[in-house]
Amino acid sequence: MNLPSQHPQRIVLHNEVHARPPEAMQAPQSISRVVMVCDPQQRQASRAHLAQLLRDHHLPLPDHDATHLRLDVGGFRIRWELHTEFVTWTFIHTRPAATLDMRDPQTALREVPREWLAALPGSAVACLHLWMLPAGASDTDALVRALLQEETLVGSTVADGFGELYTDFAIHADGFSRMLLLTGSMAPRRLGRLVQRLLEIETYRMAALLGLPAARDVAAVLASAERELAELAELIRSATRADEPMLLDRLTRLAGQVESQHAATHSRLSASAAYFELVDRRILDVAESRLAGMQTIREFMDRRLSPARSTCEWAARRQDALSQRVSRISNLLRTRVEIEQQQSSQELLTAMNRRQGMQLKLQSTVEGLSVAAITYYVVGLVIYLAKAAQPWGWPLSPEGSAAVAIPVVALWVWRAMRRLTRRMARSDLDST
């Protein structure tokens, strides 16, 4: 069948619903997860690092554009996932026995090459051991006391009562935090989904907390910026026209500082908010309920994680509010400067109109003097002509000829000057 033209991203978008799927699991198993925060270069290096492990075990190498991979590497299984900001390495080992040695509980990393594990690209932000055992296979109380710290112990039933989860959200001597999952009669795929949700709770919890140092740094910068903004607002109230350029310069510098800080931390704080929401969803997905005498994961997170979450949200809101305040005061000062400039322009135009009126009056006076001067010179010529014409019978004396010529010449000169002035005015209008 001939199909129409396909979108170039159709296959990728269609397979997004199958990205990072959970795998079916059965107890007993040991699982270890390492979450490495990576920059773009380290993300590519992690792909090469995975290829090195697979090459040593004579396994096929990952595709260049692969973002997740799971393989059986002899004594353990590995699951590699490439995320936006971090790379997760999950190691799974099927335990031969359904019990743990309380003195030395074996983890899934015992078969992983030590040198290769120590050279993982990036910086570790979360490390977790999870032991999955069948319920009733050992003394639960003794096992919990041996693995976890009683001061921060958290426990609840999960998967609608088909399992029990214990953790302490503490970093132990080996640098890993720990979880103990006692499973009941859960289907393998449901158990796999539950384990994935538990691993994601720890992963996203730590990823969300990456915004906390940025939020604390923002608080110090914002406190200084808010004090300076309050000082500038007070100075603007009593500022003179001579002070306004200096105030506008300080306000512009402050706006640049605030916007620079906002640009540097906005993405981090926004990412933290998204990760906090993912933690909430994953806790909801595990469907936990209370065990007698213990607090649930939800209660622990609400009490211990809420201050950090509120700090990140407060820093983001405070940044936005300060940016808006700086913008409002900048607009206020610019409006004030523009109004004063318009007033100065109006005064300048008024003065120019006044000077132009004076120039017109002076021009009229000069025109009158010009008519008199030209008339005087022309009448002088008439007198000379009358004296020269008397021998040929000119009837009027030179003085009489001048008296007759004065009004005629004056009128003619005046009309000529008026005509010239109108022509120049019309030429100016046409040019504008």
Protein backbone atom coordinates (compact mmCIF):
# COMPACT_ATOMS: atom_id res chain seq x y z
CA MET A 1 0.00 0.00 0.00
CA ASN A 2 1.36 3.38 -1.02
CA LEU A 3 1.43 5.70 2.02
CA PRO A 4 1.44 9.49 1.84
CA SER A 5 4.58 11.47 2.64
CA GLN A 6 5.67 10.84 6.24
CA HIS A 7 6.78 13.44 8.78
CA PRO A 8 10.56 13.08 9.32
CA GLN A 9 10.07 12.78 13.09
CA ARG A 10 7.08 10.45 13.02
CA ILE A 11 8.90 7.28 14.11
CA VAL A 12 10.80 9.07 16.88
CA LEU A 13 7.66 10.74 18.20
CA HIS A 14 5.64 7.53 17.98
CA ASN A 15 8.25 5.56 19.93
CA GLU A 16 8.42 8.20 22.66
CA VAL A 17 5.66 6.34 24.55
CA HIS A 18 8.00 3.33 24.65
CA ALA A 19 11.05 5.29 25.85
CA ARG A 20 12.69 3.91 29.01
CA PRO A 21 10.09 1.20 29.64
CA PRO A 22 10.16 -0.74 32.92
CA GLU A 23 11.30 -4.33 32.77
CA ALA A 24 9.70 -7.33 34.43
CA MET A 25 11.37 -8.25 37.74
CA GLN A 26 11.17 -10.96 40.36
CA ALA A 27 12.59 -11.10 43.87
CA PRO A 28 15.24 -11.62 45.10
CA GLN A 29 17.38 -9.01 43.33
CA SER A 30 19.93 -6.33 44.21
CA ILE A 31 19.77 -3.04 42.32
CA SER A 32 22.25 -0.16 42.40
CA ARG A 33 21.70 3.16 40.65
CA VAL A 34 24.23 5.95 40.06
CA VAL A 35 23.02 9.30 38.71
CA MET A 36 25.73 11.43 37.07
CA VAL A 37 25.15 15.10 36.30
CA CYS A 38 26.79 15.77 32.92
CA ASP A 39 27.47 18.64 30.58
CA PRO A 40 27.02 18.03 26.83
CA GLN A 41 30.58 16.83 26.42
CA GLN A 42 30.31 14.42 29.35
CA ARG A 43 27.01 13.10 28.00
CA GLN A 44 28.81 12.03 24.85
CA ALA A 45 31.67 10.66 26.92
CA SER A 46 29.19 8.48 28.85
CA ARG A 47 28.17 6.81 25.59
CA ALA A 48 31.82 6.05 24.85
CA HIS A 49 32.28 4.81 28.43
CA LEU A 50 29.36 2.40 28.00
CA ALA A 51 30.82 1.24 24.69
CA GLN A 52 34.10 0.47 26.47
CA LEU A 53 32.31 -1.84 28.94
CA LEU A 54 30.39 -3.59 26.16
CA ARG A 55 33.52 -3.94 24.06
CA ASP A 56 35.33 -5.62 26.98
CA HIS A 57 32.48 -8.14 27.20
CA HIS A 58 32.29 -8.66 23.40
CA LEU A 59 28.79 -7.18 23.17
CA PRO A 60 27.27 -5.02 20.40
CA LEU A 61 27.92 -1.30 20.79
CA PRO A 62 25.06 1.21 21.27
CA ASP A 63 23.76 3.27 18.36
CA HIS A 64 25.10 6.77 17.99
CA ASP A 65 21.66 8.30 18.66
CA ALA A 66 20.52 5.86 21.37
CA THR A 67 19.23 7.44 24.59
CA HIS A 68 18.65 4.27 26.61
CA LEU A 69 19.98 0.75 26.58
CA ARG A 70 19.68 -2.39 28.73
CA LEU A 71 21.87 -5.44 28.34
CA ASP A 72 22.95 -8.56 30.20
CA VAL A 73 26.68 -8.22 30.87
CA GLY A 74 27.49 -11.61 32.26
CA GLY A 75 27.23 -11.40 36.05
CA PHE A 76 24.87 -8.41 36.05
CA ARG A 77 22.44 -6.46 33.90
CA ILE A 78 23.01 -2.82 33.10
CA ARG A 79 20.47 -0.14 32.20
CA TRP A 80 21.84 3.10 30.77
CA GLU A 81 19.60 6.16 30.27
CA LEU A 82 20.56 9.51 28.81
CA HIS A 83 18.47 12.39 30.23
CA THR A 84 18.57 16.13 29.59
CA GLU A 85 20.84 17.01 32.50
CA PHE A 86 22.09 13.70 33.81
CA VAL A 87 22.86 10.11 32.93
CA THR A 88 21.56 7.20 35.01
CA TRP A 89 23.43 3.93 35.38
CA THR A 90 21.36 1.10 36.88
CA PHE A 91 23.00 -2.22 37.74
CA ILE A 92 20.82 -5.28 38.50
CA HIS A 93 22.01 -8.54 40.01
CA THR A 94 19.76 -11.54 40.63
CA ARG A 95 20.50 -12.85 44.09
CA PRO A 96 21.05 -16.60 44.53
CA ALA A 97 19.45 -16.50 47.99
CA ALA A 98 16.35 -14.78 49.34
CA THR A 99 18.19 -13.48 52.44
CA LEU A 100 20.91 -10.90 53.09
CA ASP A 101 24.08 -11.16 55.12
CA MET A 102 23.34 -8.43 57.66
CA ARG A 103 27.03 -7.90 58.36
CA ASP A 104 27.98 -7.47 54.68
CA PRO A 105 24.93 -7.10 52.42
CA GLN A 106 26.01 -7.76 48.85
CA THR A 107 25.07 -5.10 46.30
CA ALA A 108 24.61 -5.23 42.55
CA LEU A 109 28.01 -3.56 42.09
CA ARG A 110 30.05 -6.54 43.23
CA GLU A 111 30.41 -7.78 39.62
CA VAL A 112 30.98 -4.31 38.10
CA PRO A 113 34.64 -3.49 37.25
CA ARG A 114 35.86 -1.07 39.94
CA GLU A 115 38.13 1.02 37.73
CA TRP A 116 35.42 1.40 35.09
CA LEU A 117 32.81 2.38 37.71
CA ALA A 118 35.12 5.00 39.27
CA ALA A 119 35.68 6.61 35.86
CA LEU A 120 32.01 7.31 35.06
CA PRO A 121 31.84 10.74 33.30
CA GLY A 122 30.20 13.56 35.24
CA SER A 123 29.52 14.18 38.93
CA ALA A 124 27.46 11.80 41.04
CA VAL A 125 24.37 13.47 42.49
CA ALA A 126 22.50 10.34 43.63
CA CYS A 127 23.67 6.82 44.52
CA LEU A 128 21.22 4.20 45.73
CA HIS A 129 21.23 0.52 46.68
CA LEU A 130 17.87 -1.25 46.58
CA TRP A 131 17.42 -4.79 47.83
CA MET A 132 14.29 -6.59 46.68
CA LEU A 133 13.42 -9.67 48.76
CA PRO A 134 10.36 -11.88 49.10
CA ALA A 135 8.19 -11.01 52.09
CA GLY A 136 8.69 -13.37 55.05
CA ALA A 137 12.04 -14.71 53.82
CA SER A 138 13.91 -13.24 56.81
CA ASP A 139 13.40 -11.37 60.07
CA THR A 140 12.15 -8.03 58.81
CA ASP A 141 12.84 -6.04 61.99
CA ALA A 142 16.40 -7.32 62.31
CA LEU A 143 17.08 -6.72 58.62
CA VAL A 144 15.73 -3.18 58.76
CA ARG A 145 17.81 -2.37 61.88
CA ALA A 146 20.94 -3.76 60.22
CA LEU A 147 20.56 -1.90 56.95
CA LEU A 148 18.97 1.44 57.91
CA GLN A 149 19.29 4.19 60.49
CA GLU A 150 16.47 4.21 63.00
CA GLU A 151 16.52 8.02 63.49
CA THR A 152 15.23 8.75 59.97
CA LEU A 153 13.53 5.44 59.22
CA VAL A 154 10.60 5.61 56.82
CA GLY A 155 8.31 2.69 56.06
CA SER A 156 5.04 2.04 54.32
CA THR A 157 3.15 -0.54 52.35
CA VAL A 158 3.25 0.03 48.60
CA ALA A 159 1.43 -1.21 45.51
CA ASP A 160 -1.90 -1.22 47.35
CA GLY A 161 -0.51 -3.40 50.15
CA PHE A 162 1.33 -5.99 48.02
CA GLY A 163 4.75 -4.88 49.26
CA GLU A 164 6.59 -3.12 52.07
CA LEU A 165 9.20 -0.43 51.58
CA TYR A 166 11.79 0.76 54.11
CA THR A 167 14.38 3.51 53.67
CA ASP A 168 16.13 6.17 55.73
CA PHE A 169 17.10 8.77 53.06
CA ALA A 170 20.63 8.75 54.51
CA ILE A 171 24.05 8.39 52.88
CA HIS A 172 25.88 5.43 54.41
CA ALA A 173 29.59 4.73 54.72
CA ASP A 174 29.91 3.49 51.14
CA GLY A 175 28.43 6.75 49.77
CA PHE A 176 25.08 5.18 48.82
CA SER A 177 21.62 5.58 50.24
CA ARG A 178 19.53 2.45 50.80
CA MET A 179 16.06 1.01 50.23
CA LEU A 180 14.61 -2.35 51.21
CA LEU A 181 11.59 -3.65 49.31
CA LEU A 182 9.77 -6.75 50.56
CA THR A 183 7.53 -8.04 47.80
CA GLY A 184 4.35 -10.05 47.99
CA SER A 185 2.44 -11.70 45.19
CA MET A 186 2.97 -8.99 42.59
CA ALA A 187 3.11 -9.67 38.88
CA PRO A 188 6.65 -9.22 37.47
CA ARG A 189 5.69 -6.27 35.29
CA ARG A 190 3.95 -4.47 38.12
CA LEU A 191 6.96 -5.10 40.32
CA GLY A 192 9.20 -3.67 37.59
CA ARG A 193 7.08 -0.53 37.39
CA LEU A 194 7.16 -0.17 41.18
CA VAL A 195 10.96 -0.47 41.30
CA GLN A 196 11.32 2.09 38.52
CA ARG A 197 9.10 4.55 40.40
CA LEU A 198 11.13 4.07 43.60
CA LEU A 199 14.40 4.69 41.77
CA GLU A 200 12.93 7.78 40.12
CA ILE A 201 11.81 9.21 43.47
CA GLU A 202 15.43 9.30 44.64
CA THR A 203 16.71 10.49 41.25
CA TYR A 204 14.23 13.33 40.84
CA ARG A 205 14.47 14.30 44.51
CA MET A 206 18.19 14.99 44.15
CA ALA A 207 17.77 16.61 40.74
CA ALA A 208 15.16 18.95 42.22
CA LEU A 209 17.49 19.93 45.05
CA LEU A 210 20.12 21.11 42.56
CA GLY A 211 18.19 24.36 42.48
CA LEU A 212 18.60 24.97 46.22
CA PRO A 213 22.18 26.38 46.10
CA ALA A 214 21.12 28.66 43.24
CA ALA A 215 18.10 29.83 45.25
CA ARG A 216 20.33 30.64 48.24
CA ASP A 217 22.76 32.57 46.05
CA VAL A 218 19.85 34.45 44.52
CA ALA A 219 18.64 35.50 47.98
CA ALA A 220 21.89 37.35 48.75
CA VAL A 221 21.92 39.13 45.38
CA LEU A 222 18.24 40.04 45.58
CA ALA A 223 18.56 41.46 49.09
CA SER A 224 21.27 43.87 47.91
CA ALA A 225 19.34 44.75 44.75
CA GLU A 226 16.13 45.42 46.68
CA ARG A 227 17.96 47.79 49.06
CA GLU A 228 19.46 49.70 46.15
CA LEU A 229 16.10 49.85 44.39
CA ALA A 230 14.44 51.28 47.51
CA GLU A 231 17.21 53.88 47.75
CA LEU A 232 16.79 54.84 44.09
CA ALA A 233 13.02 55.11 44.48
CA GLU A 234 13.49 57.53 47.38
CA LEU A 235 16.04 59.59 45.44
CA ILE A 236 13.75 59.84 42.43
CA ARG A 237 11.09 61.49 44.57
CA SER A 238 13.33 64.45 45.40
CA ALA A 239 15.62 64.47 42.36
CA THR A 240 16.22 67.57 40.30
CA ARG A 241 16.64 67.65 36.56
CA ALA A 242 20.41 67.59 36.95
CA ASP A 243 20.21 64.38 39.04
CA GLU A 244 18.10 62.41 36.59
CA PRO A 245 20.88 61.22 34.21
CA MET A 246 22.82 59.81 37.16
CA LEU A 247 19.74 58.09 38.58
CA LEU A 248 18.83 56.67 35.19
CA ASP A 249 22.33 55.29 34.79
CA ARG A 250 22.22 53.61 38.23
CA LEU A 251 18.79 52.20 37.54
CA THR A 252 19.92 50.82 34.19
CA ARG A 253 22.90 49.14 35.82
CA LEU A 254 20.65 47.63 38.49
CA ALA A 255 18.22 46.36 35.85
CA GLY A 256 21.12 44.74 34.02
CA GLN A 257 22.31 43.04 37.20
CA VAL A 258 18.84 41.72 38.04
CA GLU A 259 18.20 40.45 34.53
CA SER A 260 21.63 38.82 34.37
CA GLN A 261 20.98 36.97 37.64
CA HIS A 262 17.51 36.01 36.43
CA ALA A 263 18.88 34.62 33.17
CA ALA A 264 21.59 32.67 35.01
CA THR A 265 19.22 30.95 37.47
CA HIS A 266 15.80 30.87 35.81
CA SER A 267 16.37 27.61 33.94
CA ARG A 268 17.77 25.92 37.05
CA LEU A 269 14.86 27.00 39.26
CA SER A 270 12.32 26.09 36.57
CA ALA A 271 13.90 22.64 36.24
CA SER A 272 13.74 22.18 40.01
CA ALA A 273 10.03 23.02 40.00
CA ALA A 274 9.47 20.40 37.29
CA TYR A 275 11.46 17.78 39.20
CA PHE A 276 9.52 18.47 42.42
CA GLU A 277 6.31 17.81 40.51
CA LEU A 278 7.74 14.53 39.21
CA VAL A 279 8.59 13.49 42.77
CA ASP A 280 4.98 14.14 43.79
CA ARG A 281 3.68 12.05 40.89
CA ARG A 282 6.04 9.15 41.57
CA ILE A 283 5.07 9.06 45.25
CA LEU A 284 1.44 8.99 44.19
CA ASP A 285 2.19 6.17 41.72
CA VAL A 286 3.65 3.81 44.34
CA ALA A 287 0.24 3.78 46.10
CA GLU A 288 1.61 3.70 49.64
CA SER A 289 -0.26 3.40 52.91
CA ARG A 290 0.82 3.68 56.52
CA LEU A 291 2.66 1.06 58.53
CA ALA A 292 1.94 1.16 62.24
CA GLY A 293 4.28 3.55 64.05
CA MET A 294 6.11 4.80 60.93
CA GLN A 295 5.85 7.82 58.71
CA THR A 296 5.23 7.37 55.02
CA ILE A 297 7.39 8.64 52.18
CA ARG A 298 4.79 11.32 51.46
CA GLU A 299 4.87 12.57 55.06
CA PHE A 300 8.67 12.54 55.14
CA MET A 301 8.91 14.48 51.89
CA ASP A 302 6.29 16.99 52.99
CA ARG A 303 8.19 17.70 56.19
CA ARG A 304 11.80 17.52 55.02
CA LEU A 305 11.57 18.55 51.36
CA SER A 306 8.99 21.33 51.64
CA PRO A 307 11.42 23.97 53.04
CA ALA A 308 13.84 23.46 50.13
CA ARG A 309 10.96 23.44 47.66
CA SER A 310 9.51 26.64 49.14
CA THR A 311 12.94 28.29 49.02
CA CYS A 312 13.30 27.55 45.29
CA GLU A 313 9.75 28.73 44.53
CA TRP A 314 10.19 31.84 46.68
CA ALA A 315 13.47 32.72 44.93
CA ALA A 316 11.82 32.39 41.50
CA ARG A 317 8.83 34.54 42.54
CA ARG A 318 11.10 37.11 44.19
CA GLN A 319 13.22 37.38 41.06
CA ASP A 320 10.16 37.96 38.90
CA ALA A 321 8.73 40.51 41.32
CA LEU A 322 12.01 42.45 41.56
CA SER A 323 12.40 42.45 37.78
CA GLN A 324 8.89 43.90 37.43
CA ARG A 325 9.57 46.54 40.10
CA VAL A 326 12.79 47.63 38.41
CA SER A 327 10.94 47.83 35.11
CA ARG A 328 8.14 49.95 36.63
CA ILE A 329 10.52 52.41 38.28
CA SER A 330 12.63 52.61 35.11
CA ASN A 331 9.52 53.42 33.09
CA LEU A 332 8.49 56.01 35.69
CA LEU A 333 11.86 57.75 35.57
CA ARG A 334 11.98 57.63 31.77
CA THR A 335 8.47 59.07 31.61
CA ARG A 336 9.53 61.89 33.93
CA VAL A 337 12.59 62.64 31.81
CA GLU A 338 10.51 62.56 28.61
CA ILE A 339 7.93 64.95 30.08
CA GLU A 340 10.67 67.38 31.10
CA GLN A 341 12.23 67.09 27.65
CA GLN A 342 8.86 67.84 26.07
CA GLN A 343 8.46 70.87 28.34
CA SER A 344 11.93 72.06 27.36
CA SER A 345 11.09 71.55 23.71
CA GLN A 346 7.86 73.48 24.16
CA GLU A 347 9.71 76.36 25.81
CA LEU A 348 12.28 76.31 23.02
CA LEU A 349 9.55 76.42 20.37
CA THR A 350 7.85 79.32 22.16
CA ALA A 351 11.13 81.24 22.28
CA MET A 352 11.75 80.48 18.61
CA ASN A 353 8.26 81.73 17.72
CA ARG A 354 8.89 84.88 19.73
CA ARG A 355 12.21 85.49 17.97
CA GLN A 356 10.61 84.77 14.62
CA GLY A 357 7.94 87.40 15.33
CA MET A 358 10.61 89.90 16.23
CA GLN A 359 12.49 89.03 13.06
CA LEU A 360 9.32 89.59 11.02
CA LYS A 361 8.82 93.00 12.61
CA LEU A 362 12.44 93.86 12.04
CA GLN A 363 12.13 92.64 8.47
CA SER A 364 9.07 94.90 7.94
CA THR A 365 11.03 97.85 9.34
CA VAL A 366 13.98 97.07 7.11
CA GLU A 367 11.63 96.78 4.12
CA GLY A 368 10.22 100.25 4.88
CA LEU A 369 13.72 101.70 5.14
CA SER A 370 14.64 99.94 1.93
CA VAL A 371 11.67 101.54 0.10
CA ALA A 372 12.68 105.00 1.36
CA ALA A 373 16.34 104.51 0.42
CA ILE A 374 15.57 103.21 -3.08
CA THR A 375 13.02 106.01 -3.60
CA TYR A 376 15.62 108.59 -2.52
CA TYR A 377 18.19 107.33 -5.01
CA VAL A 378 15.67 107.03 -7.88
CA VAL A 379 14.30 110.58 -7.24
CA GLY A 380 17.88 111.85 -7.27
CA LEU A 381 18.24 110.41 -10.74
CA VAL A 382 14.95 112.10 -11.78
CA ILE A 383 16.31 115.46 -10.62
CA TYR A 384 19.41 115.01 -12.75
CA LEU A 385 17.25 113.99 -15.72
CA ALA A 386 14.97 117.06 -15.23
CA LYS A 387 17.98 119.43 -15.15
CA ALA A 388 19.35 117.88 -18.32
CA ALA A 389 15.95 118.04 -20.08
CA GLN A 390 15.20 121.74 -19.37
CA PRO A 391 17.20 123.05 -22.40
CA TRP A 392 15.00 120.83 -24.60
CA GLY A 393 11.80 122.36 -23.20
CA TRP A 394 11.03 120.24 -20.06
CA PRO A 395 8.30 122.32 -18.42
CA LEU A 396 8.96 121.41 -14.76
CA SER A 397 11.80 122.51 -12.56
CA PRO A 398 14.02 119.78 -11.06
CA GLU A 399 12.36 120.27 -7.67
CA GLY A 400 8.88 120.02 -9.19
CA SER A 401 9.89 116.92 -11.12
CA ALA A 402 11.16 115.36 -7.84
CA ALA A 403 7.89 116.21 -6.06
CA VAL A 404 5.88 114.51 -8.80
CA ALA A 405 8.21 111.49 -8.97
CA ILE A 406 8.41 110.74 -5.20
CA PRO A 407 4.92 109.14 -4.76
CA VAL A 408 5.11 107.32 -8.08
CA VAL A 409 8.57 105.89 -7.36
CA ALA A 410 7.73 105.05 -3.75
CA LEU A 411 4.58 103.16 -4.80
CA TRP A 412 6.41 101.27 -7.52
CA VAL A 413 9.29 100.29 -5.15
CA TRP A 414 6.87 99.22 -2.42
CA ARG A 415 4.89 97.01 -4.82
CA ALA A 416 8.09 95.50 -6.19
CA MET A 417 9.30 94.67 -2.63
CA ARG A 418 5.95 93.09 -1.74
CA ARG A 419 5.97 90.98 -4.89
CA LEU A 420 9.51 89.79 -4.14
CA THR A 421 8.61 88.92 -0.52
CA ARG A 422 5.56 86.87 -1.58
CA ARG A 423 7.58 85.00 -4.19
CA MET A 424 10.22 84.06 -1.59
CA ALA A 425 7.55 82.93 0.89
CA ARG A 426 5.87 80.78 -1.78
CA SER A 427 9.24 79.25 -2.68
CA ASP A 428 9.84 78.32 1.02
CA LEU A 429 6.43 76.65 1.25
CA ASP A 430 7.07 74.61 -1.88
CA SER A 431 10.44 73.42 -0.60
CA THR A 432 8.93 72.24 2.72
